[in-house]
Structure formats: C-alpha cells, structure tokens
C-alpha cells in the first residue's frame, strides 16, 4: 500500500529531510531612517537656535553702539562749544591787556 499517495504527501526534494525546520521568520528592521531623520532635524534646529543666539548677541551690541554714538557726539559737541567760549574770552582778555600795554 502506497501511503504517500493516499495522504497527498510528495516525495521530499533531494538532500532535504522530513524533519527540516521552517525558515526563521523575518523581523521588522528598526526604523533607523525615521529616527535619523528626527535626530537630524533636531540637530538642524539646535544649530539654528545657536546661530539665532549669536545674531541676537551681535544685534544687541550694535544697538548699544548705536545708542552710545549720538551721546558721545553730543558730549563732544558740548565740550567743543565750551572750549570755543573760553578761548574767545581769553582772546578778549589778551586783546584788552595788549591795548592797555600799547597805550602806556
């Protein structure tokens, strides 16, 4: 009696045994692409924040300079006006002294 024909079992391929194990299941690979995408995006954001902070620092120092320059100019102009006033007074005093000395 041929039992293989009755049970619908085919004869195994050459070199294979009946106790052969099935192939190992394939597991999902980690989503490295998505994770590196998120990490990469976070790195870009961090870099952008660093650049923004640096630009903000430069802008703050430029604002300080902009505010300081007009004040410095005003102080310098006032000093020059006072110097001119005192020199004119000195010229007047010297001219008066010269006139008195010449009249003698």
N, C-alpha and C. Protein backbone atom coordinates (compact mmCIF):
# COMPACT_ATOMS: atom_id res chain seq x y z
N UNK A 1 0.86 -1.17 0.00
CA UNK A 1 0.00 0.00 0.00
C UNK A 1 0.90 1.23 0.00
N UNK A 2 0.58 2.13 -0.90
CA UNK A 2 1.34 3.38 -1.02
C UNK A 2 0.65 4.46 -0.18
N UNK A 3 1.19 4.75 0.99
CA UNK A 3 0.55 5.71 1.88
C UNK A 3 0.85 7.15 1.49
N UNK A 4 1.94 7.40 0.80
CA UNK A 4 2.25 8.78 0.41
C UNK A 4 1.24 9.29 -0.60
N UNK A 5 0.77 8.48 -1.48
CA UNK A 5 -0.22 8.89 -2.45
C UNK A 5 -1.54 9.12 -1.74
N UNK A 6 -1.85 8.32 -0.75
CA UNK A 6 -3.10 8.44 0.00
C UNK A 6 -3.13 9.73 0.82
N UNK A 7 -2.03 10.13 1.42
CA UNK A 7 -2.02 11.30 2.29
C UNK A 7 -1.72 12.59 1.50
N UNK A 8 -1.39 12.50 0.26
CA UNK A 8 -1.12 13.67 -0.55
C UNK A 8 0.27 14.25 -0.29
N UNK A 9 1.15 13.43 0.24
CA UNK A 9 2.50 13.89 0.53
C UNK A 9 3.36 13.62 -0.67
N UNK A 10 4.10 14.61 -1.05
CA UNK A 10 5.02 14.43 -2.15
C UNK A 10 6.34 13.93 -1.60
N UNK A 11 7.07 13.38 -2.46
CA UNK A 11 8.38 12.91 -2.05
C UNK A 11 9.28 14.11 -1.85
N UNK A 12 10.04 14.15 -0.77
CA UNK A 12 10.88 15.30 -0.50
C UNK A 12 11.97 15.47 -1.54
N UNK A 13 12.43 16.72 -1.65
CA UNK A 13 13.49 17.02 -2.59
C UNK A 13 14.76 16.32 -2.15
N UNK A 14 15.64 16.19 -3.06
CA UNK A 14 16.90 15.51 -2.79
C UNK A 14 17.69 16.29 -1.75
N UNK A 15 18.21 15.69 -0.74
CA UNK A 15 19.02 16.31 0.28
C UNK A 15 18.22 16.94 1.40
N UNK A 16 16.91 16.92 1.34
CA UNK A 16 16.09 17.52 2.40
C UNK A 16 15.54 16.40 3.26
N UNK A 17 15.37 16.71 4.51
CA UNK A 17 14.83 15.68 5.40
C UNK A 17 13.41 16.06 5.77
N UNK A 18 12.69 15.11 6.25
CA UNK A 18 11.32 15.37 6.66
C UNK A 18 11.27 16.22 7.93
N UNK A 19 12.32 16.19 8.71
CA UNK A 19 12.35 16.94 9.96
C UNK A 19 12.95 18.33 9.76
N UNK A 20 12.94 18.81 8.55
CA UNK A 20 13.54 20.11 8.27
C UNK A 20 12.70 21.23 8.90
N UNK A 21 13.40 22.17 9.51
CA UNK A 21 12.74 23.28 10.18
C UNK A 21 12.33 24.35 9.16
N UNK A 22 11.26 25.04 9.44
CA UNK A 22 10.88 26.12 8.53
C UNK A 22 11.89 27.29 8.67
N UNK A 23 11.90 28.11 7.69
CA UNK A 23 12.81 29.26 7.70
C UNK A 23 12.45 30.19 8.87
N UNK A 24 13.47 30.82 9.40
CA UNK A 24 13.24 31.75 10.50
C UNK A 24 12.38 32.92 10.03
N UNK A 25 11.49 33.36 10.88
CA UNK A 25 10.65 34.48 10.46
C UNK A 25 11.49 35.75 10.31
N UNK A 26 11.07 36.61 9.41
CA UNK A 26 11.79 37.87 9.23
C UNK A 26 11.20 38.88 10.22
N UNK A 27 12.10 39.54 10.88
CA UNK A 27 11.67 40.54 11.86
C UNK A 27 11.72 41.90 11.21
N UNK A 28 10.97 42.81 11.76
CA UNK A 28 10.99 44.17 11.26
C UNK A 28 12.32 44.82 11.62
N UNK A 29 12.84 45.57 10.70
CA UNK A 29 14.06 46.30 10.99
C UNK A 29 13.67 47.58 11.74
N UNK A 30 14.59 48.07 12.56
CA UNK A 30 14.28 49.30 13.27
C UNK A 30 14.15 50.43 12.25
N UNK A 31 13.36 51.38 12.60
CA UNK A 31 13.10 52.50 11.70
C UNK A 31 14.25 53.49 11.79
N UNK A 32 15.42 53.07 11.42
CA UNK A 32 16.61 53.91 11.50
C UNK A 32 16.47 55.15 10.65
N UNK A 33 15.85 55.03 9.51
CA UNK A 33 15.69 56.18 8.64
C UNK A 33 14.85 57.26 9.29
N UNK A 34 13.76 56.86 9.91
CA UNK A 34 12.89 57.85 10.56
C UNK A 34 13.57 58.43 11.78
N UNK A 35 14.27 57.59 12.54
CA UNK A 35 14.93 58.08 13.75
C UNK A 35 16.05 59.04 13.39
N UNK A 36 16.83 58.69 12.38
CA UNK A 36 17.91 59.60 11.99
C UNK A 36 17.34 60.87 11.39
N UNK A 37 16.18 60.77 10.75
CA UNK A 37 15.54 61.96 10.21
C UNK A 37 15.14 62.91 11.32
N UNK A 38 14.56 62.36 12.39
CA UNK A 38 14.14 63.19 13.52
C UNK A 38 15.36 63.76 14.23
N UNK A 39 16.37 62.91 14.44
CA UNK A 39 17.59 63.37 15.11
C UNK A 39 18.26 64.43 14.25
N UNK A 40 18.32 64.19 12.97
CA UNK A 40 18.92 65.18 12.06
C UNK A 40 18.17 66.50 12.10
N UNK A 41 16.84 66.42 12.13
CA UNK A 41 16.04 67.63 12.20
C UNK A 41 16.29 68.38 13.50
N UNK A 42 16.39 67.64 14.60
CA UNK A 42 16.68 68.27 15.89
C UNK A 42 18.06 68.92 15.88
N UNK A 43 19.03 68.30 15.24
CA UNK A 43 20.37 68.89 15.15
C UNK A 43 20.33 70.19 14.35
N UNK A 44 19.55 70.19 13.27
CA UNK A 44 19.43 71.40 12.46
C UNK A 44 18.77 72.51 13.27
N UNK A 45 17.73 72.15 14.03
CA UNK A 45 17.04 73.13 14.86
C UNK A 45 17.99 73.69 15.91
N UNK A 46 18.76 72.80 16.55
CA UNK A 46 19.71 73.23 17.57
C UNK A 46 20.75 74.18 16.96
N UNK A 47 21.23 73.83 15.78
CA UNK A 47 22.19 74.69 15.10
C UNK A 47 21.57 76.05 14.78
N UNK A 48 20.34 76.04 14.34
CA UNK A 48 19.64 77.29 14.04
C UNK A 48 19.46 78.16 15.27
N UNK A 49 19.15 77.52 16.40
CA UNK A 49 18.99 78.27 17.64
C UNK A 49 20.32 78.90 18.04
N UNK A 50 21.42 78.15 17.87
CA UNK A 50 22.74 78.70 18.18
C UNK A 50 23.07 79.90 17.31
N UNK A 51 22.76 79.79 16.02
CA UNK A 51 23.02 80.91 15.11
C UNK A 51 22.14 82.11 15.46
N UNK A 52 20.90 81.82 15.84
CA UNK A 52 19.99 82.89 16.23
C UNK A 52 20.51 83.62 17.46
N UNK A 53 20.99 82.86 18.44
CA UNK A 53 21.53 83.48 19.66
C UNK A 53 22.74 84.33 19.34
N UNK A 54 23.59 83.85 18.45
CA UNK A 54 24.78 84.62 18.06
C UNK A 54 24.37 85.92 17.34
N UNK A 55 23.40 85.81 16.44
CA UNK A 55 22.92 87.00 15.72
C UNK A 55 22.28 87.98 16.70
N UNK A 56 21.54 87.47 17.66
CA UNK A 56 20.89 88.32 18.65
C UNK A 56 21.93 89.07 19.48
N UNK A 57 23.03 88.38 19.82
CA UNK A 57 24.11 89.00 20.58
C UNK A 57 24.74 90.14 19.77
N UNK A 58 24.99 89.89 18.49
CA UNK A 58 25.58 90.94 17.63
C UNK A 58 24.61 92.12 17.49
N UNK A 59 23.34 91.82 17.35
CA UNK A 59 22.36 92.89 17.21
C UNK A 59 22.27 93.72 18.50
N UNK A 60 22.31 93.06 19.64
CA UNK A 60 22.27 93.79 20.91
C UNK A 60 23.48 94.72 21.05
N UNK A 61 24.66 94.22 20.67
CA UNK A 61 25.85 95.07 20.77
C UNK A 61 25.77 96.23 19.77
N UNK A 62 25.18 96.00 18.60
CA UNK A 62 25.01 97.07 17.62
C UNK A 62 24.04 98.12 18.14
N UNK A 63 23.00 97.70 18.84
CA UNK A 63 22.05 98.64 19.42
C UNK A 63 22.74 99.49 20.49
N UNK A 64 23.59 98.87 21.30
CA UNK A 64 24.33 99.61 22.32
C UNK A 64 25.24 100.66 21.67
N UNK A 65 25.94 100.26 20.61
CA UNK A 65 26.83 101.20 19.92
C UNK A 65 26.01 102.33 19.31
N UNK A 66 24.89 101.98 18.70
CA UNK A 66 24.03 102.99 18.07
C UNK A 66 23.52 103.99 19.11
N UNK A 67 23.19 103.50 20.29
CA UNK A 67 22.71 104.39 21.36
C UNK A 67 23.85 105.21 21.94
N UNK A 68 25.06 104.68 21.97
CA UNK A 68 26.20 105.36 22.58
C UNK A 68 26.77 106.45 21.68
N UNK A 69 26.82 106.23 20.39
CA UNK A 69 27.46 107.17 19.46
C UNK A 69 26.79 108.54 19.51
N UNK A 70 25.47 108.67 19.43
CA UNK A 70 24.88 110.01 19.50
C UNK A 70 25.17 110.72 20.83
N UNK A 71 25.18 109.96 21.93
CA UNK A 71 25.50 110.56 23.23
C UNK A 71 26.94 111.07 23.23
N UNK A 72 27.85 110.24 22.70
CA UNK A 72 29.26 110.66 22.62
C UNK A 72 29.41 111.89 21.75
N UNK A 73 28.69 111.93 20.63
CA UNK A 73 28.76 113.10 19.74
C UNK A 73 28.23 114.35 20.43
N UNK A 74 27.16 114.20 21.18
CA UNK A 74 26.58 115.34 21.89
C UNK A 74 27.56 115.87 22.95
N UNK A 75 28.18 114.96 23.69
CA UNK A 75 29.17 115.36 24.71
C UNK A 75 30.34 116.07 24.06
N UNK A 76 30.84 115.51 22.95
CA UNK A 76 31.97 116.13 22.25
C UNK A 76 31.62 117.51 21.72
N UNK A 77 30.41 117.67 21.18
CA UNK A 77 29.98 118.98 20.66
C UNK A 77 29.88 119.99 21.80
N UNK A 78 29.35 119.58 22.93
CA UNK A 78 29.26 120.50 24.08
C UNK A 78 30.64 120.91 24.56
N UNK A 79 31.57 119.95 24.61
CA UNK A 79 32.94 120.26 25.04
C UNK A 79 33.59 121.26 24.08
N UNK A 80 33.38 121.07 22.78
CA UNK A 80 33.98 121.98 21.79
C UNK A 80 33.38 123.38 21.89
N UNK A 81 32.07 123.47 22.15
CA UNK A 81 31.44 124.78 22.31
C UNK A 81 32.01 125.49 23.54
N UNK A 82 32.19 124.76 24.63
CA UNK A 82 32.75 125.36 25.84
C UNK A 82 34.20 125.80 25.61
N UNK A 83 34.99 124.94 24.92
CA UNK A 83 36.38 125.33 24.60
C UNK A 83 36.41 126.61 23.78
N UNK A 84 35.52 126.71 22.78
CA UNK A 84 35.46 127.90 21.94
C UNK A 84 35.09 129.12 22.78
N UNK A 85 34.13 128.97 23.66
CA UNK A 85 33.69 130.08 24.52
C UNK A 85 34.85 130.57 25.39
N UNK A 86 35.58 129.64 26.03
CA UNK A 86 36.69 130.02 26.90
C UNK A 86 37.85 130.64 26.11
N UNK A 87 38.11 130.13 24.93
CA UNK A 87 39.19 130.70 24.10
C UNK A 87 38.83 132.10 23.64
N UNK A 88 37.56 132.31 23.31
CA UNK A 88 37.13 133.67 22.91
C UNK A 88 37.26 134.63 24.09
N UNK A 89 36.93 134.15 25.29
CA UNK A 89 37.10 135.00 26.47
C UNK A 89 38.58 135.33 26.68
N UNK A 90 39.42 134.32 26.49
CA UNK A 90 40.88 134.53 26.65
C UNK A 90 41.39 135.50 25.60
N UNK A 91 40.91 135.40 24.38
CA UNK A 91 41.31 136.34 23.32
C UNK A 91 40.91 137.75 23.70
N UNK A 92 39.70 137.88 24.22
CA UNK A 92 39.23 139.21 24.65
C UNK A 92 40.11 139.78 25.76
N UNK A 93 40.48 138.95 26.73
CA UNK A 93 41.33 139.41 27.83
C UNK A 93 42.72 139.80 27.32
N UNK A 94 43.28 139.00 26.43
CA UNK A 94 44.60 139.30 25.88
C UNK A 94 44.56 140.57 25.03
N UNK A 95 43.50 140.76 24.26
CA UNK A 95 43.37 141.97 23.45
C UNK A 95 43.28 143.19 24.35
N UNK A 96 42.55 143.10 25.46
CA UNK A 96 42.41 144.20 26.41
C UNK A 96 43.77 144.51 27.06
N UNK A 97 44.50 143.44 27.44
CA UNK A 97 45.83 143.63 28.05
C UNK A 97 46.78 144.25 27.06
N UNK A 98 46.69 143.87 25.79
CA UNK A 98 47.56 144.42 24.75
C UNK A 98 47.24 145.90 24.53
N UNK A 99 45.98 146.23 24.52
CA UNK A 99 45.58 147.64 24.34
C UNK A 99 46.08 148.49 25.49
N UNK A 100 46.01 147.99 26.72
CA UNK A 100 46.49 148.74 27.89
C UNK A 100 48.01 148.91 27.82
N UNK A 101 48.71 147.85 27.40
CA UNK A 101 50.17 147.93 27.32
C UNK A 101 50.62 148.88 26.20
N UNK A 102 49.85 148.93 25.10
CA UNK A 102 50.20 149.78 23.98
C UNK A 102 49.94 151.26 24.31
N UNK A 103 48.98 151.53 25.10
CA UNK A 103 48.63 152.91 25.44
C UNK A 103 49.64 153.53 26.40
N UNK A 104 50.35 152.78 27.11
CA UNK A 104 51.33 153.31 28.08
C UNK A 104 52.47 153.89 27.36
